[in-house]
Amino acid sequence: MNPKRKQKLIIILGGLAALGLATGLMTYAMRENINLFYTPSQVVAGEAPMEKRIRVGGLVVVGSLVRGDDLEVTFDITDKAESIKVRYDGILPDLFREGQGIIANGRLVAENLVQAEEVLAKHDENYMPPEVQHAIEQAGHPKKDKQEKAAY
């Protein structure tokens, strides 16, 4: 085999090996940081993994907000079929309120308890995160039409 060809082959194989290693490392890093969305019904059914990062969303149950020591708050969220408790240590978003759709990023620490690291709320009272709207529809509560919204 020609020495120049051999050198090119070694360079190409080295490049492919480096590309494979980089791809493997990126896949591993992304798998560790993935946080899948679960509804309260899925959490209650045991589909959500314990102690792994997850996102859970639903409507904040009216009357469930309890403020504890310092900045600790607990509240329930529902998809209108099941409810779970969320505990959060921090300042809630200014736009957070009962009856509104939210998404909490955190870990499932008990059967029906999520320890949230972040709580997300949106500004428009008619807005609902798409995942939350889909979860409510899946639970058997169809999306409100414009006439029902006008009645409120």
N, C-alpha and C. Protein backbone atom coordinates (compact mmCIF):
# COMPACT_ATOMS: atom_id res chain seq x y z
N MET A 1 0.85 -1.18 0.00
CA MET A 1 0.00 0.00 0.00
C MET A 1 0.89 1.23 0.00
N ASN A 2 0.48 2.22 -0.74
CA ASN A 2 1.19 3.48 -0.86
C ASN A 2 1.21 4.20 0.49
N PRO A 3 2.38 4.73 0.94
CA PRO A 3 2.47 5.40 2.25
C PRO A 3 1.50 6.59 2.39
N LYS A 4 1.27 7.33 1.30
CA LYS A 4 0.36 8.48 1.37
C LYS A 4 -1.08 7.99 1.57
N ARG A 5 -1.44 6.90 0.90
CA ARG A 5 -2.77 6.32 1.08
C ARG A 5 -2.95 5.82 2.50
N LYS A 6 -1.93 5.19 3.02
CA LYS A 6 -1.98 4.66 4.38
C LYS A 6 -2.16 5.80 5.38
N GLN A 7 -1.46 6.89 5.17
CA GLN A 7 -1.55 8.05 6.06
C GLN A 7 -2.96 8.66 6.00
N LYS A 8 -3.53 8.75 4.79
CA LYS A 8 -4.90 9.28 4.64
C LYS A 8 -5.90 8.37 5.34
N LEU A 9 -5.73 7.07 5.21
CA LEU A 9 -6.61 6.11 5.84
C LEU A 9 -6.55 6.23 7.37
N ILE A 10 -5.36 6.40 7.91
CA ILE A 10 -5.19 6.56 9.36
C ILE A 10 -5.88 7.85 9.83
N ILE A 11 -5.74 8.92 9.07
CA ILE A 11 -6.37 10.20 9.43
C ILE A 11 -7.89 10.06 9.39
N ILE A 12 -8.41 9.41 8.36
CA ILE A 12 -9.87 9.23 8.24
C ILE A 12 -10.40 8.37 9.39
N LEU A 13 -9.73 7.26 9.69
CA LEU A 13 -10.17 6.38 10.78
C LEU A 13 -10.08 7.10 12.13
N GLY A 14 -9.03 7.90 12.33
CA GLY A 14 -8.90 8.69 13.56
C GLY A 14 -10.03 9.70 13.69
N GLY A 15 -10.37 10.35 12.59
CA GLY A 15 -11.48 11.31 12.59
C GLY A 15 -12.80 10.65 12.91
N LEU A 16 -13.05 9.48 12.31
CA LEU A 16 -14.28 8.74 12.59
C LEU A 16 -14.35 8.29 14.05
N ALA A 17 -13.22 7.86 14.60
CA ALA A 17 -13.19 7.45 16.00
C ALA A 17 -13.49 8.64 16.91
N ALA A 18 -12.92 9.80 16.62
CA ALA A 18 -13.16 11.01 17.41
C ALA A 18 -14.63 11.43 17.31
N LEU A 19 -15.20 11.35 16.10
CA LEU A 19 -16.60 11.70 15.90
C LEU A 19 -17.51 10.74 16.67
N GLY A 20 -17.19 9.47 16.65
CA GLY A 20 -17.97 8.48 17.41
C GLY A 20 -17.91 8.73 18.90
N LEU A 21 -16.72 9.05 19.41
CA LEU A 21 -16.56 9.34 20.83
C LEU A 21 -17.34 10.60 21.22
N ALA A 22 -17.27 11.64 20.40
CA ALA A 22 -18.00 12.88 20.69
C ALA A 22 -19.50 12.64 20.68
N THR A 23 -19.98 11.86 19.73
CA THR A 23 -21.41 11.55 19.66
C THR A 23 -21.86 10.76 20.89
N GLY A 24 -21.06 9.79 21.31
CA GLY A 24 -21.39 9.01 22.49
C GLY A 24 -21.44 9.86 23.75
N LEU A 25 -20.48 10.77 23.91
CA LEU A 25 -20.46 11.64 25.08
C LEU A 25 -21.66 12.59 25.09
N MET A 26 -22.01 13.14 23.92
CA MET A 26 -23.17 14.04 23.85
C MET A 26 -24.46 13.30 24.15
N THR A 27 -24.60 12.09 23.65
CA THR A 27 -25.80 11.30 23.92
C THR A 27 -25.91 11.01 25.41
N TYR A 28 -24.82 10.65 26.05
CA TYR A 28 -24.83 10.37 27.48
C TYR A 28 -25.22 11.61 28.27
N ALA A 29 -24.64 12.76 27.92
CA ALA A 29 -24.94 14.01 28.63
C ALA A 29 -26.40 14.40 28.45
N MET A 30 -26.94 14.24 27.25
CA MET A 30 -28.34 14.61 27.02
C MET A 30 -29.28 13.66 27.76
N ARG A 31 -28.95 12.39 27.83
CA ARG A 31 -29.81 11.43 28.53
C ARG A 31 -29.88 11.77 30.01
N GLU A 32 -28.80 12.25 30.59
CA GLU A 32 -28.79 12.61 32.01
C GLU A 32 -29.61 13.86 32.29
N ASN A 33 -29.76 14.74 31.30
CA ASN A 33 -30.43 16.02 31.53
C ASN A 33 -31.84 16.07 30.98
N ILE A 34 -32.34 14.98 30.44
CA ILE A 34 -33.70 14.97 29.91
C ILE A 34 -34.70 15.01 31.06
N ASN A 35 -35.72 15.83 30.91
CA ASN A 35 -36.80 15.81 31.89
C ASN A 35 -38.12 15.75 31.13
N LEU A 36 -38.77 14.61 31.21
CA LEU A 36 -39.99 14.36 30.47
C LEU A 36 -41.20 14.95 31.19
N PHE A 37 -42.23 15.27 30.42
CA PHE A 37 -43.46 15.85 30.97
C PHE A 37 -44.42 14.74 31.40
N TYR A 38 -44.99 14.88 32.59
CA TYR A 38 -45.98 13.95 33.11
C TYR A 38 -47.18 14.73 33.62
N THR A 39 -48.34 14.14 33.49
CA THR A 39 -49.56 14.74 34.03
C THR A 39 -49.78 14.19 35.44
N PRO A 40 -50.61 14.85 36.25
CA PRO A 40 -50.91 14.30 37.57
C PRO A 40 -51.48 12.87 37.49
N SER A 41 -52.28 12.57 36.48
CA SER A 41 -52.83 11.21 36.34
C SER A 41 -51.72 10.20 36.10
N GLN A 42 -50.72 10.57 35.31
CA GLN A 42 -49.60 9.66 35.05
C GLN A 42 -48.76 9.46 36.31
N VAL A 43 -48.58 10.52 37.10
CA VAL A 43 -47.82 10.40 38.34
C VAL A 43 -48.55 9.47 39.31
N VAL A 44 -49.86 9.67 39.47
CA VAL A 44 -50.65 8.83 40.37
C VAL A 44 -50.63 7.37 39.90
N ALA A 45 -50.62 7.15 38.58
CA ALA A 45 -50.60 5.79 38.03
C ALA A 45 -49.22 5.13 38.15
N GLY A 46 -48.22 5.89 38.63
CA GLY A 46 -46.89 5.32 38.82
C GLY A 46 -46.02 5.33 37.57
N GLU A 47 -46.38 6.11 36.55
CA GLU A 47 -45.61 6.15 35.32
C GLU A 47 -44.37 7.03 35.42
N ALA A 48 -44.35 7.97 36.35
CA ALA A 48 -43.22 8.89 36.49
C ALA A 48 -42.13 8.24 37.35
N PRO A 49 -40.87 8.40 36.96
CA PRO A 49 -39.77 7.79 37.73
C PRO A 49 -39.48 8.57 39.01
N MET A 50 -39.16 7.84 40.06
CA MET A 50 -38.78 8.47 41.33
C MET A 50 -37.38 9.04 41.21
N GLU A 51 -37.17 10.20 41.84
CA GLU A 51 -35.85 10.83 41.97
C GLU A 51 -35.17 11.15 40.65
N LYS A 52 -35.92 11.27 39.57
CA LYS A 52 -35.37 11.71 38.29
C LYS A 52 -36.01 13.05 37.96
N ARG A 53 -35.29 13.88 37.21
CA ARG A 53 -35.85 15.18 36.80
C ARG A 53 -37.06 14.95 35.90
N ILE A 54 -38.16 15.58 36.26
CA ILE A 54 -39.37 15.52 35.45
C ILE A 54 -40.00 16.90 35.39
N ARG A 55 -40.92 17.05 34.46
CA ARG A 55 -41.77 18.23 34.41
C ARG A 55 -43.18 17.73 34.63
N VAL A 56 -43.91 18.40 35.47
CA VAL A 56 -45.29 18.03 35.73
C VAL A 56 -46.13 19.30 35.62
N GLY A 57 -47.29 19.16 35.01
CA GLY A 57 -48.11 20.35 34.80
C GLY A 57 -49.57 20.09 35.04
N GLY A 58 -50.27 21.15 35.34
CA GLY A 58 -51.70 21.07 35.56
C GLY A 58 -52.22 22.40 36.07
N LEU A 59 -53.46 22.38 36.51
CA LEU A 59 -54.07 23.57 37.08
C LEU A 59 -53.85 23.58 38.58
N VAL A 60 -53.51 24.74 39.13
CA VAL A 60 -53.34 24.86 40.58
C VAL A 60 -54.73 24.78 41.21
N VAL A 61 -54.91 23.84 42.13
CA VAL A 61 -56.20 23.63 42.79
C VAL A 61 -56.49 24.83 43.69
N VAL A 62 -57.67 25.40 43.52
CA VAL A 62 -58.08 26.55 44.32
C VAL A 62 -58.18 26.15 45.78
N GLY A 63 -57.55 26.94 46.65
CA GLY A 63 -57.58 26.69 48.08
C GLY A 63 -56.49 25.76 48.58
N SER A 64 -55.60 25.32 47.69
CA SER A 64 -54.57 24.35 48.10
C SER A 64 -53.23 25.00 48.43
N LEU A 65 -53.06 26.27 48.15
CA LEU A 65 -51.79 26.95 48.39
C LEU A 65 -51.56 27.16 49.88
N VAL A 66 -50.43 26.61 50.38
CA VAL A 66 -50.07 26.76 51.79
C VAL A 66 -48.66 27.30 51.86
N ARG A 67 -48.50 28.41 52.55
CA ARG A 67 -47.16 29.00 52.71
C ARG A 67 -46.58 28.51 54.02
N GLY A 68 -45.34 28.02 53.97
CA GLY A 68 -44.68 27.51 55.16
C GLY A 68 -43.62 28.47 55.65
N ASP A 69 -42.62 27.92 56.33
CA ASP A 69 -41.52 28.73 56.84
C ASP A 69 -40.69 29.27 55.69
N ASP A 70 -40.15 30.46 55.90
CA ASP A 70 -39.32 31.13 54.90
C ASP A 70 -40.07 31.21 53.57
N LEU A 71 -39.51 30.64 52.51
CA LEU A 71 -40.13 30.73 51.19
C LEU A 71 -40.79 29.43 50.74
N GLU A 72 -40.96 28.48 51.64
CA GLU A 72 -41.54 27.19 51.25
C GLU A 72 -43.03 27.32 51.02
N VAL A 73 -43.49 26.79 49.90
CA VAL A 73 -44.92 26.74 49.60
C VAL A 73 -45.25 25.34 49.12
N THR A 74 -46.47 24.92 49.38
CA THR A 74 -46.99 23.68 48.82
C THR A 74 -48.34 24.00 48.20
N PHE A 75 -48.64 23.30 47.13
CA PHE A 75 -49.92 23.46 46.47
C PHE A 75 -50.21 22.19 45.68
N ASP A 76 -51.46 21.99 45.35
CA ASP A 76 -51.87 20.83 44.56
C ASP A 76 -52.07 21.27 43.12
N ILE A 77 -51.76 20.37 42.19
CA ILE A 77 -52.09 20.60 40.79
C ILE A 77 -52.93 19.43 40.31
N THR A 78 -53.79 19.71 39.34
CA THR A 78 -54.70 18.69 38.84
C THR A 78 -54.81 18.76 37.33
N ASP A 79 -55.14 17.64 36.73
CA ASP A 79 -55.51 17.61 35.32
C ASP A 79 -57.01 17.37 35.20
N LYS A 80 -57.71 17.64 36.27
CA LYS A 80 -59.16 17.49 36.44
C LYS A 80 -59.57 16.02 36.54
N ALA A 81 -58.59 15.13 36.63
CA ALA A 81 -58.90 13.72 36.88
C ALA A 81 -58.22 13.30 38.18
N GLU A 82 -56.95 13.66 38.35
CA GLU A 82 -56.17 13.33 39.55
C GLU A 82 -55.44 14.58 40.02
N SER A 83 -55.01 14.57 41.28
CA SER A 83 -54.25 15.68 41.85
C SER A 83 -52.99 15.17 42.51
N ILE A 84 -51.95 15.99 42.48
CA ILE A 84 -50.71 15.69 43.21
C ILE A 84 -50.25 16.95 43.91
N LYS A 85 -49.40 16.78 44.90
CA LYS A 85 -48.88 17.90 45.68
C LYS A 85 -47.52 18.31 45.13
N VAL A 86 -47.27 19.61 45.10
CA VAL A 86 -45.99 20.17 44.68
C VAL A 86 -45.45 20.99 45.84
N ARG A 87 -44.18 20.78 46.18
CA ARG A 87 -43.51 21.57 47.22
C ARG A 87 -42.41 22.37 46.52
N TYR A 88 -42.32 23.66 46.86
CA TYR A 88 -41.35 24.54 46.20
C TYR A 88 -40.73 25.45 47.24
N ASP A 89 -39.42 25.56 47.23
CA ASP A 89 -38.70 26.48 48.10
C ASP A 89 -38.18 27.62 47.24
N GLY A 90 -38.83 28.74 47.29
CA GLY A 90 -38.40 29.87 46.49
C GLY A 90 -39.55 30.84 46.30
N ILE A 91 -39.28 31.86 45.51
CA ILE A 91 -40.29 32.88 45.23
C ILE A 91 -41.08 32.43 44.01
N LEU A 92 -42.38 32.34 44.17
CA LEU A 92 -43.24 31.97 43.05
C LEU A 92 -43.27 33.10 42.03
N PRO A 93 -43.48 32.78 40.76
CA PRO A 93 -43.59 33.85 39.76
C PRO A 93 -44.71 34.82 40.11
N ASP A 94 -44.55 36.07 39.76
CA ASP A 94 -45.56 37.09 40.05
C ASP A 94 -46.93 36.70 39.50
N LEU A 95 -46.95 35.98 38.41
CA LEU A 95 -48.19 35.65 37.74
C LEU A 95 -48.80 34.33 38.20
N PHE A 96 -48.20 33.70 39.19
CA PHE A 96 -48.73 32.45 39.75
C PHE A 96 -49.99 32.75 40.54
N ARG A 97 -51.02 31.96 40.31
CA ARG A 97 -52.24 32.07 41.13
C ARG A 97 -53.04 30.78 41.01
N GLU A 98 -53.93 30.60 41.96
CA GLU A 98 -54.76 29.40 41.99
C GLU A 98 -55.71 29.39 40.79
N GLY A 99 -55.94 28.20 40.26
CA GLY A 99 -56.81 28.05 39.10
C GLY A 99 -56.10 28.19 37.77
N GLN A 100 -54.82 28.55 37.80
CA GLN A 100 -54.05 28.79 36.59
C GLN A 100 -53.21 27.56 36.23
N GLY A 101 -52.95 27.38 34.94
CA GLY A 101 -52.09 26.31 34.48
C GLY A 101 -50.63 26.64 34.73
N ILE A 102 -49.89 25.69 35.30
CA ILE A 102 -48.47 25.88 35.57
C ILE A 102 -47.70 24.63 35.17
N ILE A 103 -46.40 24.78 35.08
CA ILE A 103 -45.50 23.64 34.89
C ILE A 103 -44.44 23.74 35.97
N ALA A 104 -44.19 22.63 36.66
CA ALA A 104 -43.16 22.57 37.69
C ALA A 104 -42.06 21.62 37.24
N ASN A 105 -40.83 22.07 37.30
CA ASN A 105 -39.67 21.23 37.01
C ASN A 105 -39.08 20.77 38.33
N GLY A 106 -38.89 19.48 38.49
CA GLY A 106 -38.34 18.99 39.75
C GLY A 106 -38.20 17.49 39.75
N ARG A 107 -38.32 16.91 40.95
CA ARG A 107 -38.16 15.46 41.14
C ARG A 107 -39.34 14.92 41.93
N LEU A 108 -39.76 13.72 41.56
CA LEU A 108 -40.79 13.02 42.32
C LEU A 108 -40.11 12.39 43.52
N VAL A 109 -40.42 12.90 44.73
CA VAL A 109 -39.73 12.44 45.95
C VAL A 109 -40.57 11.48 46.78
N ALA A 110 -41.85 11.44 46.54
CA ALA A 110 -42.76 10.50 47.21
C ALA A 110 -43.83 10.14 46.19
N GLU A 111 -44.71 9.23 46.58
CA GLU A 111 -45.70 8.72 45.64
C GLU A 111 -46.45 9.82 44.89
N ASN A 112 -46.91 10.83 45.59
CA ASN A 112 -47.66 11.92 44.95
C ASN A 112 -47.13 13.28 45.36
N LEU A 113 -45.81 13.40 45.51
CA LEU A 113 -45.19 14.66 45.92
C LEU A 113 -44.00 14.98 45.02
N VAL A 114 -44.06 16.15 44.39
CA VAL A 114 -42.97 16.63 43.55
C VAL A 114 -42.27 17.76 44.28
N GLN A 115 -40.94 17.64 44.41
CA GLN A 115 -40.13 18.73 44.95
C GLN A 115 -39.67 19.55 43.75
N ALA A 116 -40.26 20.71 43.58
CA ALA A 116 -39.99 21.54 42.41
C ALA A 116 -38.73 22.38 42.61
N GLU A 117 -37.96 22.50 41.55
CA GLU A 117 -36.81 23.39 41.52
C GLU A 117 -37.15 24.68 40.79
N GLU A 118 -38.22 24.62 39.98
CA GLU A 118 -38.65 25.78 39.21
C GLU A 118 -40.14 25.66 38.94
N VAL A 119 -40.85 26.78 39.04
CA VAL A 119 -42.28 26.83 38.73
C VAL A 119 -42.47 27.88 37.65
N LEU A 120 -43.15 27.47 36.58
CA LEU A 120 -43.38 28.37 35.45
C LEU A 120 -44.86 28.69 35.33
N ALA A 121 -45.17 29.98 35.17
CA ALA A 121 -46.55 30.43 34.97
C ALA A 121 -46.53 31.43 33.82
N LYS A 122 -47.64 31.55 33.11
CA LYS A 122 -47.72 32.43 31.96
C LYS A 122 -48.60 33.63 32.27
N HIS A 123 -48.42 34.72 31.52
CA HIS A 123 -49.06 35.99 31.84
C HIS A 123 -50.54 36.09 31.54
N ASP A 124 -51.05 35.49 30.51
CA ASP A 124 -52.43 35.66 30.09
C ASP A 124 -53.34 34.70 30.84
N GLU A 125 -54.43 35.22 31.40
CA GLU A 125 -55.31 34.34 32.17
C GLU A 125 -56.00 33.29 31.30
N ASN A 126 -56.06 33.52 30.00
CA ASN A 126 -56.65 32.53 29.09
C ASN A 126 -55.61 31.54 28.58
N TYR A 127 -54.34 31.81 28.81
CA TYR A 127 -53.29 30.93 28.32
C TYR A 127 -53.15 29.70 29.21
N MET A 128 -52.89 28.59 28.58
CA MET A 128 -52.58 27.37 29.31
C MET A 128 -51.46 26.69 28.56
N PRO A 129 -50.39 26.26 29.25
CA PRO A 129 -49.31 25.58 28.54
C PRO A 129 -49.87 24.43 27.70
N PRO A 130 -49.36 24.23 26.48
CA PRO A 130 -49.90 23.19 25.60
C PRO A 130 -49.92 21.81 26.24
N GLU A 131 -48.88 21.49 27.02
CA GLU A 131 -48.84 20.17 27.66
C GLU A 131 -49.98 20.01 28.67
N VAL A 132 -50.26 21.09 29.39
CA VAL A 132 -51.33 21.06 30.40
C VAL A 132 -52.69 20.94 29.71
N GLN A 133 -52.89 21.72 28.64
CA GLN A 133 -54.15 21.65 27.90
C GLN A 133 -54.38 20.25 27.35
N HIS A 134 -53.33 19.65 26.80
CA HIS A 134 -53.44 18.29 26.26
C HIS A 134 -53.76 17.29 27.38
N ALA A 135 -53.13 17.45 28.53
CA ALA A 135 -53.38 16.55 29.66
C ALA A 135 -54.83 16.63 30.12
N ILE A 136 -55.37 17.84 30.17
CA ILE A 136 -56.77 18.01 30.59
C ILE A 136 -57.71 17.39 29.57
N GLU A 137 -57.40 17.58 28.29
CA GLU A 137 -58.22 16.97 27.24
C GLU A 137 -58.15 15.45 27.33
N GLN A 138 -56.97 14.89 27.59
CA GLN A 138 -56.80 13.44 27.72
C GLN A 138 -57.58 12.91 28.92
N ALA A 139 -57.73 13.73 29.95
CA ALA A 139 -58.46 13.31 31.15
C ALA A 139 -59.97 13.35 30.94
N GLY A 140 -60.39 13.79 29.74
CA GLY A 140 -61.82 13.77 29.43
C GLY A 140 -62.52 15.10 29.57
N HIS A 141 -61.75 16.17 29.63
CA HIS A 141 -62.34 17.50 29.73
C HIS A 141 -61.95 18.27 28.49
N PRO A 142 -62.86 18.41 27.51
CA PRO A 142 -62.51 19.05 26.24
C PRO A 142 -62.20 20.53 26.41
N LYS A 143 -61.49 21.04 25.44
CA LYS A 143 -61.11 22.45 25.42
C LYS A 143 -62.37 23.31 25.36
N LYS A 144 -62.37 24.39 26.13
CA LYS A 144 -63.52 25.29 26.13
C LYS A 144 -63.58 26.02 24.79
N ASP A 145 -64.79 26.19 24.28
CA ASP A 145 -64.89 26.98 23.06
C ASP A 145 -65.08 28.46 23.43
N LYS A 146 -65.10 29.31 22.43
CA LYS A 146 -65.14 30.75 22.68
C LYS A 146 -66.43 31.18 23.38
N GLN A 147 -67.55 30.51 23.11
CA GLN A 147 -68.80 30.87 23.77
C GLN A 147 -68.74 30.58 25.27
N GLU A 148 -68.13 29.47 25.66
CA GLU A 148 -68.02 29.16 27.08
C GLU A 148 -67.10 30.17 27.76
N LYS A 149 -66.03 30.60 27.09
CA LYS A 149 -65.12 31.58 27.67
C LYS A 149 -65.84 32.91 27.87
N ALA A 150 -66.71 33.27 26.90
CA ALA A 150 -67.44 34.53 27.00
C ALA A 150 -68.41 34.49 28.17
N ALA A 151 -68.91 33.31 28.52
CA ALA A 151 -69.87 33.20 29.62
C ALA A 151 -69.24 33.49 30.97
N TYR A 152 -67.93 33.36 31.08
CA TYR A 152 -67.22 33.62 32.35
C TYR A 152 -67.10 35.10 32.48
